[in-house]
């Protein structure tokens, strides 16, 4: 398992947050 740097982790979290927010709004 590759270790993610804090920036990579935050970047993925932001992208997932946007997608999850989009799904949440649609729901």
PDB file of N, CA and C in Angstrom:
ATOM      1  N   UNK A   1       0.853  -1.207   0.000  1.00  0.00           N
ATOM      2  CA  UNK A   1       0.000   0.000   0.000  1.00  0.00           C
ATOM      3  C   UNK A   1       0.885   1.252   0.000  1.00  0.00           C
ATOM      4  N   UNK A   2       0.650   2.101  -0.977  1.00  0.00           N
ATOM      5  CA  UNK A   2       1.467   3.310  -1.082  1.00  0.00           C
ATOM      6  C   UNK A   2       1.028   4.344  -0.057  1.00  0.00           C
ATOM      7  N   UNK A   3       2.016   5.022   0.498  1.00  0.00           N
ATOM      8  CA  UNK A   3       1.687   6.062   1.493  1.00  0.00           C
ATOM      9  C   UNK A   3       1.357   7.362   0.778  1.00  0.00           C
ATOM     10  N   UNK A   4       0.285   7.984   1.174  1.00  0.00           N
ATOM     11  CA  UNK A   4      -0.095   9.259   0.560  1.00  0.00           C
ATOM     12  C   UNK A   4       0.388  10.411   1.421  1.00  0.00           C
ATOM     13  N   UNK A   5       0.863  11.446   0.752  1.00  0.00           N
ATOM     14  CA  UNK A   5       1.292  12.620   1.512  1.00  0.00           C
ATOM     15  C   UNK A   5       0.057  13.380   1.959  1.00  0.00           C
ATOM     16  N   UNK A   6       0.222  14.286   2.890  1.00  0.00           N
ATOM     17  CA  UNK A   6      -0.930  15.046   3.396  1.00  0.00           C
ATOM     18  C   UNK A   6      -1.622  15.780   2.257  1.00  0.00           C
ATOM     19  N   UNK A   7      -0.838  16.334   1.340  1.00  0.00           N
ATOM     20  CA  UNK A   7      -1.431  17.089   0.228  1.00  0.00           C
ATOM     21  C   UNK A   7      -2.244  16.157  -0.667  1.00  0.00           C
ATOM     22  N   UNK A   8      -1.687  14.975  -0.961  1.00  0.00           N
ATOM     23  CA  UNK A   8      -2.413  14.020  -1.802  1.00  0.00           C
ATOM     24  C   UNK A   8      -3.700  13.605  -1.113  1.00  0.00           C
ATOM     25  N   UNK A   9      -3.610  13.358   0.199  1.00  0.00           N
ATOM     26  CA  UNK A   9      -4.784  12.931   0.959  1.00  0.00           C
ATOM     27  C   UNK A   9      -5.852  14.021   0.930  1.00  0.00           C
ATOM     28  N   UNK A  10      -5.429  15.265   1.159  1.00  0.00           N
ATOM     29  CA  UNK A  10      -6.386  16.382   1.144  1.00  0.00           C
ATOM     30  C   UNK A  10      -6.985  16.538  -0.249  1.00  0.00           C
ATOM     31  N   UNK A  11      -6.169  16.377  -1.273  1.00  0.00           N
ATOM     32  CA  UNK A  11      -6.660  16.521  -2.644  1.00  0.00           C
ATOM     33  C   UNK A  11      -7.728  15.485  -2.937  1.00  0.00           C
ATOM     34  N   UNK A  12      -7.476  14.229  -2.563  1.00  0.00           N
ATOM     35  CA  UNK A  12      -8.463  13.176  -2.803  1.00  0.00           C
ATOM     36  C   UNK A  12      -9.700  13.425  -1.965  1.00  0.00           C
ATOM     37  N   UNK A  13      -9.512  13.872  -0.741  1.00  0.00           N
ATOM     38  CA  UNK A  13     -10.653  14.127   0.146  1.00  0.00           C
ATOM     39  C   UNK A  13     -11.545  15.215  -0.436  1.00  0.00           C
ATOM     40  N   UNK A  14     -10.915  16.259  -0.982  1.00  0.00           N
ATOM     41  CA  UNK A  14     -11.693  17.366  -1.567  1.00  0.00           C
ATOM     42  C   UNK A  14     -12.485  16.859  -2.764  1.00  0.00           C
ATOM     43  N   UNK A  15     -11.829  16.057  -3.615  1.00  0.00           N
ATOM     44  CA  UNK A  15     -12.523  15.540  -4.799  1.00  0.00           C
ATOM     45  C   UNK A  15     -13.684  14.649  -4.380  1.00  0.00           C
ATOM     46  N   UNK A  16     -13.439  13.773  -3.402  1.00  0.00           N
ATOM     47  CA  UNK A  16     -14.503  12.883  -2.934  1.00  0.00           C
ATOM     48  C   UNK A  16     -15.614  13.698  -2.294  1.00  0.00           C
ATOM     49  N   UNK A  17     -15.230  14.739  -1.578  1.00  0.00           N
ATOM     50  CA  UNK A  17     -16.233  15.572  -0.910  1.00  0.00           C
ATOM     51  C   UNK A  17     -17.155  16.196  -1.951  1.00  0.00           C
ATOM     52  N   UNK A  18     -16.571  16.694  -3.050  1.00  0.00           N
ATOM     53  CA  UNK A  18     -17.377  17.327  -4.100  1.00  0.00           C
ATOM     54  C   UNK A  18     -18.343  16.308  -4.689  1.00  0.00           C
ATOM     55  N   UNK A  19     -17.851  15.104  -4.957  1.00  0.00           N
ATOM     56  CA  UNK A  19     -18.710  14.064  -5.533  1.00  0.00           C
ATOM     57  C   UNK A  19     -19.794  13.675  -4.545  1.00  0.00           C
ATOM     58  N   UNK A  20     -19.405  13.486  -3.286  1.00  0.00           N
ATOM     59  CA  UNK A  20     -20.381  13.097  -2.267  1.00  0.00           C
ATOM     60  C   UNK A  20     -21.402  14.204  -2.056  1.00  0.00           C
ATOM     61  N   UNK A  21     -20.940  15.451  -2.061  1.00  0.00           N
ATOM     62  CA  UNK A  21     -21.870  16.577  -1.913  1.00  0.00           C
ATOM     63  C   UNK A  21     -22.856  16.578  -3.069  1.00  0.00           C
ATOM     64  N   UNK A  22     -22.350  16.339  -4.277  1.00  0.00           N
ATOM     65  CA  UNK A  22     -23.210  16.327  -5.459  1.00  0.00           C
ATOM     66  C   UNK A  22     -24.276  15.247  -5.303  1.00  0.00           C
ATOM     67  N   UNK A  23     -23.849  14.039  -4.906  1.00  0.00           N
ATOM     68  CA  UNK A  23     -24.807  12.940  -4.723  1.00  0.00           C
ATOM     69  C   UNK A  23     -25.781  13.279  -3.605  1.00  0.00           C
ATOM     70  N   UNK A  24     -25.285  13.887  -2.552  1.00  0.00           N
ATOM     71  CA  UNK A  24     -26.142  14.220  -1.407  1.00  0.00           C
ATOM     72  C   UNK A  24     -27.226  15.214  -1.822  1.00  0.00           C
ATOM     73  N   UNK A  25     -26.840  16.192  -2.646  1.00  0.00           N
ATOM     74  CA  UNK A  25     -27.805  17.212  -3.091  1.00  0.00           C
ATOM     75  C   UNK A  25     -28.853  16.567  -3.999  1.00  0.00           C
ATOM     76  N   UNK A  26     -28.394  15.623  -4.843  1.00  0.00           N
ATOM     77  CA  UNK A  26     -29.325  14.959  -5.762  1.00  0.00           C
ATOM     78  C   UNK A  26     -30.276  14.055  -4.994  1.00  0.00           C
ATOM     79  N   UNK A  27     -29.793  13.426  -3.938  1.00  0.00           N
ATOM     80  CA  UNK A  27     -30.602  12.461  -3.178  1.00  0.00           C
ATOM     81  C   UNK A  27     -31.844  13.124  -2.609  1.00  0.00           C
TER      82      UNK A  27
END
